[in-house]
Amino acid sequence: MNPYANPFARPPQSLAGRIVAFILTGALLVLAFMFSLVALAVAAVGGVIFAGWFWWKTRALRKAMRAAAPVGAAGPVPGGDFIDGECVREVADDRLLR
């Protein structure tokens, strides 16, 4: 008896056995793909439902924030153009050059 032989080894399958295994593997892959599509659709619908629920629950908060906004905070500035920007002033420091 060979001590390196696998005791659980089976003889190779016949051609019919390999064809059946190939067909079953393909069917299982198709079923797995279909299941993943259904799971993705359920997750998407659940996300849309949650987003709608969250939007509905926060409507009073949004209304209160609009009412509490300072007057004139939104909208165009009357009387001309308004350019928003920032200015950076650099001062030369002679101590750094010594």
Protein backbone atom coordinates (compact mmCIF):
# COMPACT_ATOMS: atom_id res chain seq x y z
CA MET A 1 0.00 0.00 0.00
CA ASN A 2 1.26 3.47 -0.92
CA PRO A 3 1.48 5.71 2.20
CA TYR A 4 1.22 8.87 0.03
CA ALA A 5 -1.97 7.86 -1.75
CA ASN A 6 -5.16 9.72 -0.89
CA PRO A 7 -7.58 7.21 0.66
CA PHE A 8 -10.56 9.36 -0.34
CA ALA A 9 -9.61 9.69 -4.00
CA ARG A 10 -12.29 8.70 -6.50
CA PRO A 11 -11.81 7.46 -10.00
CA PRO A 12 -12.33 10.09 -12.73
CA GLN A 13 -15.92 10.77 -13.76
CA SER A 14 -17.33 9.57 -17.01
CA LEU A 15 -18.24 11.96 -19.82
CA ALA A 16 -21.92 11.86 -18.83
CA GLY A 17 -21.03 12.67 -15.21
CA ARG A 18 -18.94 15.67 -16.27
CA ILE A 19 -21.75 16.96 -18.52
CA VAL A 20 -24.29 16.67 -15.69
CA ALA A 21 -21.89 18.43 -13.31
CA PHE A 22 -21.36 21.22 -15.87
CA ILE A 23 -25.12 21.71 -16.34
CA LEU A 24 -25.77 21.72 -12.59
CA THR A 25 -22.96 24.21 -12.01
CA GLY A 26 -24.38 26.51 -14.70
CA ALA A 27 -27.87 26.26 -13.20
CA LEU A 28 -26.54 27.09 -9.73
CA LEU A 29 -24.65 30.11 -11.10
CA VAL A 30 -27.79 31.38 -12.84
CA LEU A 31 -29.82 30.94 -9.64
CA ALA A 32 -27.17 32.74 -7.60
CA PHE A 33 -27.16 35.64 -10.08
CA MET A 34 -30.96 35.87 -9.98
CA PHE A 35 -30.92 35.84 -6.18
CA SER A 36 -28.33 38.64 -6.10
CA LEU A 37 -30.45 40.75 -8.46
CA VAL A 38 -33.52 40.26 -6.27
CA ALA A 39 -31.51 41.09 -3.14
CA LEU A 40 -30.15 44.24 -4.80
CA ALA A 41 -33.65 45.33 -5.84
CA VAL A 42 -34.98 44.77 -2.31
CA ALA A 43 -32.10 46.79 -0.86
CA ALA A 44 -32.73 49.63 -3.34
CA VAL A 45 -36.44 49.75 -2.55
CA GLY A 46 -35.65 49.68 1.16
CA GLY A 47 -33.23 52.58 0.72
CA VAL A 48 -35.80 54.64 -1.18
CA ILE A 49 -38.43 53.94 1.49
CA PHE A 50 -35.99 54.94 4.25
CA ALA A 51 -35.02 58.14 2.42
CA GLY A 52 -38.69 59.07 1.98
CA TRP A 53 -39.42 58.36 5.63
CA PHE A 54 -36.41 60.44 6.74
CA TRP A 55 -37.40 63.31 4.45
CA TRP A 56 -40.96 63.21 5.85
CA LYS A 57 -39.77 63.16 9.48
CA THR A 58 -37.42 66.12 9.01
CA ARG A 59 -39.87 68.42 7.23
CA ALA A 60 -40.72 70.32 10.46
CA LEU A 61 -37.01 70.86 11.13
CA ARG A 62 -36.45 72.22 7.62
CA LYS A 63 -39.44 74.56 8.03
CA ALA A 64 -38.08 75.84 11.36
CA MET A 65 -34.63 76.40 9.84
CA ARG A 66 -36.13 78.43 6.98
CA ALA A 67 -38.15 80.51 9.45
CA ALA A 68 -35.10 81.14 11.66
CA ALA A 69 -32.87 82.24 8.79
CA PRO A 70 -31.76 85.87 9.06
CA VAL A 71 -33.61 88.31 6.86
CA GLY A 72 -31.82 88.87 3.59
CA ALA A 73 -29.52 85.91 4.05
CA ALA A 74 -30.70 84.37 0.83
CA GLY A 75 -31.27 86.03 -2.48
CA PRO A 76 -29.47 88.57 -4.63
CA VAL A 77 -27.72 91.59 -3.16
CA PRO A 78 -29.55 94.77 -4.18
CA GLY A 79 -27.65 97.65 -5.67
CA GLY A 80 -24.90 96.10 -7.71
CA ASP A 81 -22.46 93.28 -7.99
CA PHE A 82 -21.09 91.50 -4.98
CA ILE A 83 -17.81 89.66 -5.27
CA ASP A 84 -16.95 87.34 -2.43
CA GLY A 85 -13.33 86.54 -1.82
CA GLU A 86 -10.53 86.54 0.66
CA CYS A 87 -7.28 88.39 0.99
CA VAL A 88 -3.96 87.10 2.27
CA ARG A 89 -1.34 89.61 3.36
CA GLU A 90 2.23 88.46 3.58
CA VAL A 91 4.67 90.55 5.53
CA ALA A 92 8.37 90.16 4.84
CA ASP A 93 10.20 89.28 8.03
CA ASP A 94 13.89 90.23 7.93
CA ARG A 95 14.64 88.03 10.91
CA LEU A 96 14.09 84.92 8.78
CA LEU A 97 16.75 85.97 6.28
CA ARG A 98 19.56 86.35 8.85
